[in-house]
PDB file of N, CA and C in Angstrom:
ATOM      1  N   MET A   1      41.354  40.262  62.088  1.00  0.00           N
ATOM      2  CA  MET A   1      40.699  38.391  61.751  1.00  0.00           C
ATOM      3  C   MET A   1      41.415  37.472  62.290  1.00  0.00           C
ATOM      4  N   THR A   2      40.215  36.906  63.131  1.00  0.00           N
ATOM      5  CA  THR A   2      40.887  35.590  62.987  1.00  0.00           C
ATOM      6  C   THR A   2      40.159  34.333  62.242  1.00  0.00           C
ATOM      7  N   THR A   3      40.748  33.284  61.596  1.00  0.00           N
ATOM      8  CA  THR A   3      40.166  32.848  61.086  1.00  0.00           C
ATOM      9  C   THR A   3      40.538  31.411  61.548  1.00  0.00           C
ATOM     10  N   ILE A   4      39.858  29.930  62.136  1.00  0.00           N
ATOM     11  CA  ILE A   4      40.105  28.873  62.450  1.00  0.00           C
ATOM     12  C   ILE A   4      39.372  27.940  61.540  1.00  0.00           C
ATOM     13  N   VAL A   5      40.131  26.842  61.343  1.00  0.00           N
ATOM     14  CA  VAL A   5      39.229  25.612  60.718  1.00  0.00           C
ATOM     15  C   VAL A   5      39.149  24.370  61.735  1.00  0.00           C
ATOM     16  N   LEU A   6      38.045  24.077  62.297  1.00  0.00           N
ATOM     17  CA  LEU A   6      37.982  22.914  63.298  1.00  0.00           C
ATOM     18  C   LEU A   6      37.744  21.480  62.495  1.00  0.00           C
ATOM     19  N   THR A   7      38.513  20.499  62.480  1.00  0.00           N
ATOM     20  CA  THR A   7      37.908  19.481  61.451  1.00  0.00           C
ATOM     21  C   THR A   7      37.444  18.301  62.449  1.00  0.00           C
ATOM     22  N   HIS A   8      36.433  17.385  62.255  1.00  0.00           N
ATOM     23  CA  HIS A   8      35.878  16.550  63.499  1.00  0.00           C
ATOM     24  C   HIS A   8      36.456  15.183  63.100  1.00  0.00           C
ATOM     25  N   GLY A   9      36.298  14.388  63.889  1.00  0.00           N
ATOM     26  CA  GLY A   9      36.451  12.806  63.651  1.00  0.00           C
ATOM     27  C   GLY A   9      35.422  11.936  62.798  1.00  0.00           C
ATOM     28  N   ALA A  10      36.133  10.833  63.209  1.00  0.00           N
ATOM     29  CA  ALA A  10      35.100   9.434  63.073  1.00  0.00           C
ATOM     30  C   ALA A  10      33.418   9.413  63.546  1.00  0.00           C
ATOM     31  N   PHE A  11      32.481   9.854  62.950  1.00  0.00           N
ATOM     32  CA  PHE A  11      31.266   9.549  63.797  1.00  0.00           C
ATOM     33  C   PHE A  11      30.688  10.805  64.154  1.00  0.00           C
ATOM     34  N   HIS A  12      31.418  11.879  63.424  1.00  0.00           N
ATOM     35  CA  HIS A  12      30.784  12.674  63.882  1.00  0.00           C
ATOM     36  C   HIS A  12      31.099  13.943  62.321  1.00  0.00           C
ATOM     37  N   GLY A  13      30.486  15.355  62.431  1.00  0.00           N
ATOM     38  CA  GLY A  13      30.842  16.165  61.989  1.00  0.00           C
ATOM     39  C   GLY A  13      30.296  17.550  62.025  1.00  0.00           C
ATOM     40  N   GLY A  14      30.475  19.045  60.809  1.00  0.00           N
ATOM     41  CA  GLY A  14      30.826  20.047  61.582  1.00  0.00           C
ATOM     42  C   GLY A  14      29.679  20.464  63.038  1.00  0.00           C
ATOM     43  N   TRP A  15      28.847  20.047  63.127  1.00  0.00           N
ATOM     44  CA  TRP A  15      27.736  19.856  63.838  1.00  0.00           C
ATOM     45  C   TRP A  15      28.658  20.082  65.303  1.00  0.00           C
ATOM     46  N   CYS A  16      29.217  19.269  65.682  1.00  0.00           N
ATOM     47  CA  CYS A  16      29.292  18.548  67.142  1.00  0.00           C
ATOM     48  C   CYS A  16      30.245  20.017  67.492  1.00  0.00           C
ATOM     49  N   PHE A  17      30.723  20.716  66.397  1.00  0.00           N
ATOM     50  CA  PHE A  17      31.228  21.785  67.180  1.00  0.00           C
ATOM     51  C   PHE A  17      30.357  23.157  67.750  1.00  0.00           C
ATOM     52  N   ALA A  18      29.364  23.442  67.452  1.00  0.00           N
ATOM     53  CA  ALA A  18      28.136  23.808  67.449  1.00  0.00           C
ATOM     54  C   ALA A  18      28.011  25.304  68.567  1.00  0.00           C
ATOM     55  N   PRO A  19      28.502  24.304  69.841  1.00  0.00           N
ATOM     56  CA  PRO A  19      28.812  25.429  71.179  1.00  0.00           C
ATOM     57  C   PRO A  19      29.859  26.167  70.851  1.00  0.00           C
ATOM     58  N   LEU A  20      31.456  25.245  70.863  1.00  0.00           N
ATOM     59  CA  LEU A  20      32.104  26.315  70.683  1.00  0.00           C
ATOM     60  C   LEU A  20      32.353  27.337  69.638  1.00  0.00           C
ATOM     61  N   ILE A  21      31.730  26.899  68.106  1.00  0.00           N
ATOM     62  CA  ILE A  21      31.621  27.815  66.986  1.00  0.00           C
ATOM     63  C   ILE A  21      30.975  28.960  67.728  1.00  0.00           C
ATOM     64  N   ASP A  22      29.916  28.847  67.856  1.00  0.00           N
ATOM     65  CA  ASP A  22      29.067  30.193  68.952  1.00  0.00           C
ATOM     66  C   ASP A  22      29.546  30.256  69.673  1.00  0.00           C
ATOM     67  N   GLU A  23      30.784  30.548  70.922  1.00  0.00           N
ATOM     68  CA  GLU A  23      31.129  31.353  72.141  1.00  0.00           C
ATOM     69  C   GLU A  23      32.271  32.393  70.841  1.00  0.00           C
ATOM     70  N   LEU A  24      33.154  31.289  69.696  1.00  0.00           N
ATOM     71  CA  LEU A  24      34.025  31.732  69.145  1.00  0.00           C
ATOM     72  C   LEU A  24      33.683  32.735  68.049  1.00  0.00           C
ATOM     73  N   GLU A  25      32.422  32.928  67.973  1.00  0.00           N
ATOM     74  CA  GLU A  25      31.966  33.768  67.032  1.00  0.00           C
ATOM     75  C   GLU A  25      31.286  34.994  67.860  1.00  0.00           C
ATOM     76  N   ARG A  26      31.198  34.609  68.823  1.00  0.00           N
ATOM     77  CA  ARG A  26      30.494  36.328  69.517  1.00  0.00           C
ATOM     78  C   ARG A  26      31.894  36.869  70.364  1.00  0.00           C
ATOM     79  N   GLN A  27      32.789  35.862  70.094  1.00  0.00           N
ATOM     80  CA  GLN A  27      34.393  36.467  70.490  1.00  0.00           C
ATOM     81  C   GLN A  27      34.985  37.448  69.166  1.00  0.00           C
ATOM     82  N   GLY A  28      34.608  37.190  67.996  1.00  0.00           N
ATOM     83  CA  GLY A  28      35.018  37.954  66.550  1.00  0.00           C
ATOM     84  C   GLY A  28      35.757  36.839  65.771  1.00  0.00           C
ATOM     85  N   ILE A  29      35.224  35.640  65.976  1.00  0.00           N
ATOM     86  CA  ILE A  29      36.661  34.191  65.330  1.00  0.00           C
ATOM     87  C   ILE A  29      35.827  34.061  64.696  1.00  0.00           C
ATOM     88  N   THR A  30      36.111  34.064  63.303  1.00  0.00           N
ATOM     89  CA  THR A  30      35.507  33.350  62.157  1.00  0.00           C
ATOM     90  C   THR A  30      35.981  31.707  62.407  1.00  0.00           C
ATOM     91  N   CYS A  31      35.030  30.453  62.294  1.00  0.00           N
ATOM     92  CA  CYS A  31      35.068  29.301  62.126  1.00  0.00           C
ATOM     93  C   CYS A  31      34.797  28.603  61.041  1.00  0.00           C
ATOM     94  N   LEU A  32      35.377  27.870  60.420  1.00  0.00           N
ATOM     95  CA  LEU A  32      35.290  27.225  59.190  1.00  0.00           C
ATOM     96  C   LEU A  32      35.236  25.064  59.484  1.00  0.00           C
ATOM     97  N   THR A  33      34.067  25.118  59.350  1.00  0.00           N
ATOM     98  CA  THR A  33      34.183  23.849  59.548  1.00  0.00           C
ATOM     99  C   THR A  33      34.019  22.746  58.656  1.00  0.00           C
ATOM    100  N   PRO A  34      35.018  22.101  57.539  1.00  0.00           N
ATOM    101  CA  PRO A  34      34.653  21.489  56.229  1.00  0.00           C
ATOM    102  C   PRO A  34      34.131  20.086  56.757  1.00  0.00           C
ATOM    103  N   GLU A  35      33.109  19.489  56.578  1.00  0.00           N
ATOM    104  CA  GLU A  35      32.662  18.027  56.366  1.00  0.00           C
ATOM    105  C   GLU A  35      33.518  17.200  55.542  1.00  0.00           C
ATOM    106  N   LEU A  36      34.114  16.528  56.310  1.00  0.00           N
ATOM    107  CA  LEU A  36      34.959  15.438  56.047  1.00  0.00           C
ATOM    108  C   LEU A  36      34.183  13.967  55.166  1.00  0.00           C
ATOM    109  N   PRO A  37      34.979  13.785  53.749  1.00  0.00           N
ATOM    110  CA  PRO A  37      34.194  11.855  53.726  1.00  0.00           C
ATOM    111  C   PRO A  37      34.060  11.222  54.436  1.00  0.00           C
ATOM    112  N   LEU A  38      35.373  10.962  54.784  1.00  0.00           N
ATOM    113  CA  LEU A  38      35.621  10.162  55.836  1.00  0.00           C
ATOM    114  C   LEU A  38      35.993   8.391  54.903  1.00  0.00           C
ATOM    115  N   THR A  39      35.914   8.894  54.065  1.00  0.00           N
ATOM    116  CA  THR A  39      36.594   7.497  53.181  1.00  0.00           C
ATOM    117  C   THR A  39      38.001   7.451  52.980  1.00  0.00           C
ATOM    118  N   ASP A  40      38.503   7.639  52.964  1.00  0.00           N
ATOM    119  CA  ASP A  40      40.048   7.679  53.572  1.00  0.00           C
ATOM    120  C   ASP A  40      40.835   8.524  53.630  1.00  0.00           C
ATOM    121  N   LEU A  41      42.063   8.855  54.093  1.00  0.00           N
ATOM    122  CA  LEU A  41      43.000  10.360  54.405  1.00  0.00           C
ATOM    123  C   LEU A  41      42.892  10.667  53.668  1.00  0.00           C
ATOM    124  N   ASP A  42      43.608  10.804  52.414  1.00  0.00           N
ATOM    125  CA  ASP A  42      43.615  11.507  51.015  1.00  0.00           C
ATOM    126  C   ASP A  42      42.126  12.236  50.927  1.00  0.00           C
ATOM    127  N   HIS A  43      41.169  11.814  50.591  1.00  0.00           N
ATOM    128  CA  HIS A  43      40.143  12.264  50.604  1.00  0.00           C
ATOM    129  C   HIS A  43      39.834  13.125  51.875  1.00  0.00           C
ATOM    130  N   ASP A  44      40.068  12.931  53.237  1.00  0.00           N
ATOM    131  CA  ASP A  44      39.820  14.152  53.571  1.00  0.00           C
ATOM    132  C   ASP A  44      40.532  14.976  54.255  1.00  0.00           C
ATOM    133  N   VAL A  45      42.115  14.775  53.890  1.00  0.00           N
ATOM    134  CA  VAL A  45      43.009  15.974  53.430  1.00  0.00           C
ATOM    135  C   VAL A  45      42.817  17.018  52.121  1.00  0.00           C
ATOM    136  N   ALA A  46      41.947  16.454  51.147  1.00  0.00           N
ATOM    137  CA  ALA A  46      41.404  16.700  49.855  1.00  0.00           C
ATOM    138  C   ALA A  46      40.371  18.291  50.568  1.00  0.00           C
ATOM    139  N   ALA A  47      39.645  17.776  51.335  1.00  0.00           N
ATOM    140  CA  ALA A  47      38.519  18.508  51.785  1.00  0.00           C
ATOM    141  C   ALA A  47      38.809  19.471  52.757  1.00  0.00           C
ATOM    142  N   VAL A  48      39.356  19.622  53.711  1.00  0.00           N
ATOM    143  CA  VAL A  48      40.560  20.542  54.331  1.00  0.00           C
ATOM    144  C   VAL A  48      41.036  21.047  53.911  1.00  0.00           C
ATOM    145  N   HIS A  49      42.104  20.911  52.755  1.00  0.00           N
ATOM    146  CA  HIS A  49      42.541  21.961  52.429  1.00  0.00           C
ATOM    147  C   HIS A  49      41.898  22.720  51.315  1.00  0.00           C
ATOM    148  N   ALA A  50      40.762  22.459  50.602  1.00  0.00           N
ATOM    149  CA  ALA A  50      39.910  22.800  49.519  1.00  0.00           C
ATOM    150  C   ALA A  50      39.389  24.276  50.220  1.00  0.00           C
ATOM    151  N   VAL A  51      39.692  23.811  51.526  1.00  0.00           N
ATOM    152  CA  VAL A  51      39.077  25.174  52.587  1.00  0.00           C
ATOM    153  C   VAL A  51      39.986  26.756  52.359  1.00  0.00           C
TER     154      VAL A  51
END
């Protein structure tokens, strides 16, 4: 099984990947979309590492 992590940029959230996630999951790919706090880089990196 393949798992990918999708990370959003400023002014977005994991929701912005919904159409892509639907297609990838139809193909059997698990998608993780951590919500980044967007307070500073260290907190964003920690959120991704927590996945």
